Amino acid sequence: MKALAAEMRNYFSKQMEPLGIAVKELTGDMQLTKGEILRTQMLVTTPEKWDVVTRKSVGDVALSQIVKLLILDEVHLLHEDRGPVLESLVARTLLLFYFYLFYLYLTR
C-alpha cells in the first residue's frame, strides 16, 4: 500500500510540477515537516495514516486546512473486511474537512 502511495506521488509530482503544485506523500514511513506542510497543495496518503490525522485534535489541523486535494488509495477494499473502516474514514473526512477527494481504484 505504501508503495502505491509513493508511485502515485511520483506520478502526480511529474504532472503537477509545471503548474507549481507541490505533491507530497504522507504514510507511516513518510513524515512531513511543518515547512513541507505549508508548501503542500496535493497529498497522497494511505487510509491508515489519514485515519490518524483525522483523529488528532491538534497538530495536524494545519495540514487539513492547507491541503485542498486528498487522494486515498485502496478504496477497492470497500467490499472486503476493511470496508467499514474505510467507509467511516471517508465519511469523517467529508464531515470535518472541505476539499476535493479522489478515490483511486487500482488493481494490478
Protein backbone atom coordinates (compact mmCIF):
# COMPACT_ATOMS: atom_id res chain seq x y z
CA MET A 1 0.00 0.00 0.00
CA LYS A 2 2.80 2.41 0.85
CA ALA A 3 4.48 1.55 -2.43
CA LEU A 4 1.35 2.52 -4.34
CA ALA A 5 1.17 5.82 -2.46
CA ALA A 6 4.80 6.52 -3.39
CA GLU A 7 4.13 5.59 -7.00
CA MET A 8 1.12 7.91 -7.16
CA ARG A 9 3.09 10.74 -5.55
CA ASN A 10 5.81 10.34 -8.16
CA TYR A 11 3.28 10.27 -10.99
CA PHE A 12 1.33 13.31 -9.80
CA SER A 13 4.50 15.22 -8.94
CA LYS A 14 5.64 14.98 -12.56
CA GLN A 15 2.21 16.01 -13.83
CA MET A 16 1.66 18.89 -11.40
CA GLU A 17 5.16 20.37 -11.19
CA PRO A 18 4.71 22.54 -14.32
CA LEU A 19 1.62 24.01 -12.64
CA GLY A 20 3.52 24.84 -9.47
CA ILE A 21 1.55 22.33 -7.39
CA ALA A 22 3.54 20.57 -4.68
CA VAL A 23 2.62 16.91 -4.20
CA LYS A 24 3.67 15.13 -1.01
CA GLU A 25 3.26 11.65 0.40
CA LEU A 26 2.06 11.01 3.94
CA THR A 27 2.36 7.40 5.09
CA GLY A 28 3.71 5.59 8.11
CA ASP A 29 7.16 5.77 6.50
CA MET A 30 6.98 9.37 5.27
CA GLN A 31 6.53 12.25 7.71
CA LEU A 32 6.19 15.89 6.73
CA THR A 33 7.83 18.83 8.45
CA LYS A 34 5.80 21.97 9.14
CA GLY A 35 7.61 23.69 6.27
CA GLU A 36 6.69 20.89 3.88
CA ILE A 37 3.08 21.01 5.04
CA LEU A 38 2.96 24.74 4.32
CA ARG A 39 4.23 24.15 0.76
CA THR A 40 1.87 21.22 0.00
CA GLN A 41 -1.18 21.56 -2.20
CA MET A 42 -1.75 17.87 -3.02
CA LEU A 43 -1.37 14.98 -0.62
CA VAL A 44 -1.18 11.25 -1.33
CA THR A 45 -1.77 9.16 1.76
CA THR A 46 -2.78 5.72 2.95
CA PRO A 47 -6.13 5.24 4.65
CA GLU A 48 -4.39 4.25 7.88
CA LYS A 49 -2.30 7.42 8.01
CA TRP A 50 -5.24 9.68 7.15
CA ASP A 51 -7.21 7.95 9.89
CA VAL A 52 -4.52 9.01 12.38
CA VAL A 53 -4.50 12.58 11.00
CA THR A 54 -8.29 12.96 11.20
CA ARG A 55 -8.48 11.56 14.74
CA LYS A 56 -5.94 14.03 16.14
CA SER A 57 -7.47 17.16 17.60
CA VAL A 58 -4.32 19.29 17.34
CA GLY A 59 -1.06 19.21 15.45
CA ASP A 60 -2.36 18.18 12.03
CA VAL A 61 -5.14 20.78 11.96
CA ALA A 62 -2.93 22.99 9.80
CA LEU A 63 -2.49 20.10 7.39
CA SER A 64 -6.23 19.69 6.89
CA GLN A 65 -6.65 23.44 6.38
CA ILE A 66 -3.84 23.82 3.85
CA VAL A 67 -4.25 20.74 1.65
CA LYS A 68 -7.05 21.10 -0.88
CA LEU A 69 -6.79 17.71 -2.60
CA LEU A 70 -6.66 14.34 -0.87
CA ILE A 71 -6.11 11.06 -2.67
CA LEU A 72 -6.91 7.85 -0.81
CA ASP A 73 -5.73 4.63 -2.34
CA GLU A 74 -7.03 1.12 -1.68
CA VAL A 75 -10.71 2.05 -1.89
CA HIS A 76 -11.35 -1.12 -3.85
CA LEU A 77 -11.21 -2.77 -0.41
CA LEU A 78 -14.66 -1.36 0.46
CA HIS A 79 -16.16 -4.77 -0.24
CA GLU A 80 -13.66 -6.61 1.94
CA ASP A 81 -13.07 -6.86 5.69
CA ARG A 82 -11.61 -3.35 5.94
CA GLY A 83 -14.54 -1.85 4.04
CA PRO A 84 -16.47 -0.45 7.01
CA VAL A 85 -13.31 1.16 8.39
CA LEU A 86 -12.59 2.85 5.05
CA GLU A 87 -16.19 3.93 4.69
CA SER A 88 -16.22 5.55 8.12
CA LEU A 89 -12.91 7.25 7.35
CA VAL A 90 -14.30 8.78 4.17
CA ALA A 91 -17.47 9.88 6.00
CA ARG A 92 -15.43 11.51 8.80
CA THR A 93 -13.22 13.24 6.27
CA LEU A 94 -16.16 14.69 4.38
CA LEU A 95 -17.73 15.92 7.62
CA LEU A 96 -14.58 17.51 9.03
CA PHE A 97 -12.81 18.97 6.03
CA TYR A 98 -13.63 20.88 2.88
CA PHE A 99 -11.54 19.87 -0.11
CA TYR A 100 -11.67 17.69 -3.17
CA LEU A 101 -11.50 13.98 -2.52
CA PHE A 102 -10.48 11.48 -5.18
CA TYR A 103 -10.59 7.73 -4.89
CA LEU A 104 -8.11 5.50 -6.59
CA TYR A 105 -9.47 2.18 -7.69
CA LEU A 106 -6.38 0.49 -8.98
CA THR A 107 -5.65 -3.18 -9.32
CA ARG A 108 -2.56 -4.77 -10.71
